[in-house]
Amino acid sequence: MGRAGRGQPAGVRRPPPALPGSYRRPMVVALAELLVLLLLVGLLLYALGIWSARPATPAGPRPARLSGRRRPAPGDVGVRARWAPAHDEVDGQTRVLLRRSHVGPDGLPIVLEDRVYATFPSADPAWEARFIEAMSGARFRCSFLNAEESAN
């Protein structure tokens, strides 16, 4: 009855004390499982990023590529021309442009038309915010113009 005097009922046994280092194996297993899980999540996110970043291709057949010998007809220029946002700086003014161009026979772009979408001073303290906003609007406008031309 020596135990009953120490605050424990008689007949109740205490578990043996934990051995030093007995927690290591479960902890190593848990960390390995966490590492494998993080690796799988990372691979999934990587694959999802690759899949979502690929360019959208039309369902129909791909247009034939032009060889060096086959030149486009002058009437085909308007069909292949696309609108794209651009920017430049002229006389201390930043201009955001809507540029209509196509690739020439030598592989260099040929600009058919430039439209000024927005203009603001290059020294403006809020230049970056204004530039980002103007380029975003220009991208939207170019996508609208390209969709409008492809519908015709």
C-alpha atoms as a PDB file:
ATOM      1  CA  MET A   1       0.000   0.000   0.000  1.00  0.00           C
ATOM      2  CA  GLY A   2       2.900   2.250  -0.403  1.00  0.00           C
ATOM      3  CA  ARG A   3       1.502   3.614  -3.656  1.00  0.00           C
ATOM      4  CA  ALA A   4      -1.884   4.535  -2.271  1.00  0.00           C
ATOM      5  CA  GLY A   5      -0.166   6.935   0.050  1.00  0.00           C
ATOM      6  CA  ARG A   6       1.363   8.852  -2.878  1.00  0.00           C
ATOM      7  CA  GLY A   7      -1.928  10.004  -4.411  1.00  0.00           C
ATOM      8  CA  GLN A   8      -2.654   7.011  -6.692  1.00  0.00           C
ATOM      9  CA  PRO A   9      -5.283   4.356  -6.142  1.00  0.00           C
ATOM     10  CA  ALA A  10      -4.015   0.884  -5.521  1.00  0.00           C
ATOM     11  CA  GLY A  11      -3.845  -1.349  -8.591  1.00  0.00           C
ATOM     12  CA  VAL A  12      -3.339   1.451 -11.171  1.00  0.00           C
ATOM     13  CA  ARG A  13      -0.063   1.206 -13.070  1.00  0.00           C
ATOM     14  CA  ARG A  14       1.749   4.065 -14.653  1.00  0.00           C
ATOM     15  CA  PRO A  15       3.064   3.690 -18.194  1.00  0.00           C
ATOM     16  CA  PRO A  16       6.796   3.224 -18.443  1.00  0.00           C
ATOM     17  CA  PRO A  17       8.722   6.436 -18.990  1.00  0.00           C
ATOM     18  CA  ALA A  18       9.447   7.246 -22.634  1.00  0.00           C
ATOM     19  CA  LEU A  19      12.892   6.347 -23.814  1.00  0.00           C
ATOM     20  CA  PRO A  20      14.987   9.273 -24.962  1.00  0.00           C
ATOM     21  CA  GLY A  21      14.922   9.329 -28.763  1.00  0.00           C
ATOM     22  CA  SER A  22      11.790   7.166 -29.108  1.00  0.00           C
ATOM     23  CA  TYR A  23       9.993  10.120 -30.734  1.00  0.00           C
ATOM     24  CA  ARG A  24      12.553  10.347 -33.541  1.00  0.00           C
ATOM     25  CA  ARG A  25      11.241   7.577 -35.796  1.00  0.00           C
ATOM     26  CA  PRO A  26       7.606   8.836 -35.937  1.00  0.00           C
ATOM     27  CA  MET A  27       8.862  12.404 -36.439  1.00  0.00           C
ATOM     28  CA  VAL A  28      11.152  11.392 -39.321  1.00  0.00           C
ATOM     29  CA  VAL A  29       8.287   9.450 -40.944  1.00  0.00           C
ATOM     30  CA  ALA A  30       5.932  12.426 -40.553  1.00  0.00           C
ATOM     31  CA  LEU A  31       8.497  14.812 -42.071  1.00  0.00           C
ATOM     32  CA  ALA A  32       9.115  12.427 -44.984  1.00  0.00           C
ATOM     33  CA  GLU A  33       5.365  12.194 -45.635  1.00  0.00           C
ATOM     34  CA  LEU A  34       5.095  15.998 -45.510  1.00  0.00           C
ATOM     35  CA  LEU A  35       7.998  16.322 -47.952  1.00  0.00           C
ATOM     36  CA  VAL A  36       6.398  13.865 -50.399  1.00  0.00           C
ATOM     37  CA  LEU A  37       3.063  15.682 -50.114  1.00  0.00           C
ATOM     38  CA  LEU A  38       4.685  19.074 -50.784  1.00  0.00           C
ATOM     39  CA  LEU A  39       6.568  17.602 -53.747  1.00  0.00           C
ATOM     40  CA  LEU A  40       3.338  16.252 -55.253  1.00  0.00           C
ATOM     41  CA  VAL A  41       1.543  19.571 -54.733  1.00  0.00           C
ATOM     42  CA  GLY A  42       4.459  21.399 -56.347  1.00  0.00           C
ATOM     43  CA  LEU A  43       4.414  19.077 -59.368  1.00  0.00           C
ATOM     44  CA  LEU A  44       0.660  19.536 -59.696  1.00  0.00           C
ATOM     45  CA  LEU A  45       0.959  23.330 -59.586  1.00  0.00           C
ATOM     46  CA  TYR A  46       3.832  23.242 -62.084  1.00  0.00           C
ATOM     47  CA  ALA A  47       1.836  21.081 -64.501  1.00  0.00           C
ATOM     48  CA  LEU A  48      -1.196  23.324 -64.064  1.00  0.00           C
ATOM     49  CA  GLY A  49       0.930  26.394 -64.802  1.00  0.00           C
ATOM     50  CA  ILE A  50       2.395  24.819 -67.948  1.00  0.00           C
ATOM     51  CA  TRP A  51      -1.051  23.754 -69.108  1.00  0.00           C
ATOM     52  CA  SER A  52      -2.670  27.146 -68.509  1.00  0.00           C
ATOM     53  CA  ALA A  53       0.214  29.101 -70.058  1.00  0.00           C
ATOM     54  CA  ARG A  54       0.163  27.297 -73.385  1.00  0.00           C
ATOM     55  CA  PRO A  55      -1.155  29.336 -76.287  1.00  0.00           C
ATOM     56  CA  ALA A  56      -4.708  28.767 -77.400  1.00  0.00           C
ATOM     57  CA  THR A  57      -4.733  27.149 -80.810  1.00  0.00           C
ATOM     58  CA  PRO A  58      -7.729  26.979 -83.092  1.00  0.00           C
ATOM     59  CA  ALA A  59      -9.393  23.603 -83.516  1.00  0.00           C
ATOM     60  CA  GLY A  60      -9.071  23.675 -87.312  1.00  0.00           C
ATOM     61  CA  PRO A  61      -6.009  22.848 -89.380  1.00  0.00           C
ATOM     62  CA  ARG A  62      -2.923  24.962 -88.916  1.00  0.00           C
ATOM     63  CA  PRO A  63      -2.073  27.466 -91.628  1.00  0.00           C
ATOM     64  CA  ALA A  64       0.868  26.506 -93.800  1.00  0.00           C
ATOM     65  CA  ARG A  65       4.159  28.196 -92.987  1.00  0.00           C
ATOM     66  CA  LEU A  66       5.697  30.341 -95.662  1.00  0.00           C
ATOM     67  CA  SER A  67       8.921  29.039 -97.077  1.00  0.00           C
ATOM     68  CA  GLY A  68      11.637  31.370 -98.329  1.00  0.00           C
ATOM     69  CA  ARG A  69      10.502  30.881-101.944  1.00  0.00           C
ATOM     70  CA  ARG A  70       6.778  31.384-101.427  1.00  0.00           C
ATOM     71  CA  ARG A  71       5.990  35.064-100.875  1.00  0.00           C
ATOM     72  CA  PRO A  72       2.631  36.333 -99.672  1.00  0.00           C
ATOM     73  CA  ALA A  73       0.431  38.130-102.144  1.00  0.00           C
ATOM     74  CA  PRO A  74       0.043  41.873-101.512  1.00  0.00           C
ATOM     75  CA  GLY A  75      -3.663  41.346-100.780  1.00  0.00           C
ATOM     76  CA  ASP A  76      -2.838  38.908 -97.943  1.00  0.00           C
ATOM     77  CA  VAL A  77      -1.133  41.607 -95.850  1.00  0.00           C
ATOM     78  CA  GLY A  78      -4.368  42.918 -94.357  1.00  0.00           C
ATOM     79  CA  VAL A  79      -5.509  39.422 -93.497  1.00  0.00           C
ATOM     80  CA  ARG A  80      -2.349  38.597 -91.516  1.00  0.00           C
ATOM     81  CA  ALA A  81      -1.931  41.993 -89.841  1.00  0.00           C
ATOM     82  CA  ARG A  82      -2.623  42.038 -86.083  1.00  0.00           C
ATOM     83  CA  TRP A  83      -3.081  44.762 -83.503  1.00  0.00           C
ATOM     84  CA  ALA A  84      -0.642  44.742 -80.583  1.00  0.00           C
ATOM     85  CA  PRO A  85       0.087  47.219 -77.772  1.00  0.00           C
ATOM     86  CA  ALA A  86       3.344  49.148 -77.962  1.00  0.00           C
ATOM     87  CA  HIS A  87       4.940  52.137 -76.251  1.00  0.00           C
ATOM     88  CA  ASP A  88       7.609  54.719 -76.916  1.00  0.00           C
ATOM     89  CA  GLU A  89       8.926  58.002 -75.563  1.00  0.00           C
ATOM     90  CA  VAL A  90       8.882  61.178 -77.646  1.00  0.00           C
ATOM     91  CA  ASP A  91       9.954  64.589 -76.307  1.00  0.00           C
ATOM     92  CA  GLY A  92       9.592  63.593 -72.649  1.00  0.00           C
ATOM     93  CA  GLN A  93       6.146  62.078 -73.213  1.00  0.00           C
ATOM     94  CA  THR A  94       5.414  58.372 -72.890  1.00  0.00           C
ATOM     95  CA  ARG A  95       3.006  57.187 -75.560  1.00  0.00           C
ATOM     96  CA  VAL A  96       1.046  53.953 -75.371  1.00  0.00           C
ATOM     97  CA  LEU A  97       0.194  52.847 -78.895  1.00  0.00           C
ATOM     98  CA  LEU A  98      -2.128  50.475 -80.687  1.00  0.00           C
ATOM     99  CA  ARG A  99       0.092  49.113 -83.449  1.00  0.00           C
ATOM    100  CA  ARG A 100      -1.137  47.205 -86.499  1.00  0.00           C
ATOM    101  CA  SER A 101       1.679  45.215 -88.076  1.00  0.00           C
ATOM    102  CA  HIS A 102       2.559  41.986 -89.800  1.00  0.00           C
ATOM    103  CA  VAL A 103       5.713  39.979 -90.386  1.00  0.00           C
ATOM    104  CA  GLY A 104       7.412  40.854 -93.658  1.00  0.00           C
ATOM    105  CA  PRO A 105       9.082  38.432 -96.055  1.00  0.00           C
ATOM    106  CA  ASP A 106      12.425  38.983 -94.319  1.00  0.00           C
ATOM    107  CA  GLY A 107      10.940  38.073 -90.928  1.00  0.00           C
ATOM    108  CA  LEU A 108      10.987  41.616 -89.568  1.00  0.00           C
ATOM    109  CA  PRO A 109       7.789  43.371 -88.498  1.00  0.00           C
ATOM    110  CA  ILE A 110       6.223  45.869 -90.899  1.00  0.00           C
ATOM    111  CA  VAL A 111       4.168  48.530 -89.117  1.00  0.00           C
ATOM    112  CA  LEU A 112       1.038  49.445 -91.039  1.00  0.00           C
ATOM    113  CA  GLU A 113      -0.554  51.824 -88.547  1.00  0.00           C
ATOM    114  CA  ASP A 114       0.077  53.370 -85.115  1.00  0.00           C
ATOM    115  CA  ARG A 115      -2.729  54.848 -83.041  1.00  0.00           C
ATOM    116  CA  VAL A 116      -1.943  56.782 -79.865  1.00  0.00           C
ATOM    117  CA  TYR A 117      -3.978  55.308 -77.015  1.00  0.00           C
ATOM    118  CA  ALA A 118      -2.599  57.352 -74.100  1.00  0.00           C
ATOM    119  CA  THR A 119       0.068  60.000 -73.499  1.00  0.00           C
ATOM    120  CA  PHE A 120       1.556  61.169 -70.195  1.00  0.00           C
ATOM    121  CA  PRO A 121       4.793  62.847 -69.033  1.00  0.00           C
ATOM    122  CA  SER A 122       7.768  60.547 -68.573  1.00  0.00           C
ATOM    123  CA  ALA A 123       8.748  62.406 -65.394  1.00  0.00           C
ATOM    124  CA  ASP A 124       5.335  61.908 -63.784  1.00  0.00           C
ATOM    125  CA  PRO A 125       5.685  60.557 -60.195  1.00  0.00           C
ATOM    126  CA  ALA A 126       2.811  58.160 -60.861  1.00  0.00           C
ATOM    127  CA  TRP A 127       4.368  57.029 -64.166  1.00  0.00           C
ATOM    128  CA  GLU A 128       4.415  53.316 -63.352  1.00  0.00           C
ATOM    129  CA  ALA A 129       0.762  53.173 -62.294  1.00  0.00           C
ATOM    130  CA  ARG A 130      -0.327  55.201 -65.314  1.00  0.00           C
ATOM    131  CA  PHE A 131       1.793  53.061 -67.647  1.00  0.00           C
ATOM    132  CA  ILE A 132       0.420  49.768 -66.291  1.00  0.00           C
ATOM    133  CA  GLU A 133      -3.154  51.039 -66.538  1.00  0.00           C
ATOM    134  CA  ALA A 134      -2.655  52.373 -70.078  1.00  0.00           C
ATOM    135  CA  MET A 135      -0.972  49.162 -71.300  1.00  0.00           C
ATOM    136  CA  SER A 136      -3.772  47.081 -69.791  1.00  0.00           C
ATOM    137  CA  GLY A 137      -6.358  49.193 -71.599  1.00  0.00           C
ATOM    138  CA  ALA A 138      -4.343  48.983 -74.835  1.00  0.00           C
ATOM    139  CA  ARG A 139      -4.168  45.164 -74.591  1.00  0.00           C
ATOM    140  CA  PHE A 140      -7.916  45.008 -74.145  1.00  0.00           C
ATOM    141  CA  ARG A 141      -8.502  47.366 -77.067  1.00  0.00           C
ATOM    142  CA  CYS A 142      -6.122  45.367 -79.315  1.00  0.00           C
ATOM    143  CA  SER A 143      -7.913  42.120 -78.496  1.00  0.00           C
ATOM    144  CA  PHE A 144     -11.201  43.813 -79.379  1.00  0.00           C
ATOM    145  CA  LEU A 145      -9.827  45.143 -82.666  1.00  0.00           C
ATOM    146  CA  ASN A 146      -8.344  41.731 -83.593  1.00  0.00           C
ATOM    147  CA  ALA A 147     -11.630  39.986 -82.801  1.00  0.00           C
ATOM    148  CA  GLU A 148     -13.526  42.586 -84.825  1.00  0.00           C
ATOM    149  CA  GLU A 149     -11.254  42.106 -87.835  1.00  0.00           C
ATOM    150  CA  SER A 150     -11.370  38.312 -87.661  1.00  0.00           C
ATOM    151  CA  ALA A 151     -15.184  38.410 -87.618  1.00  0.00           C
ATOM    152  CA  ASN A 152     -15.251  40.356 -90.892  1.00  0.00           C
END
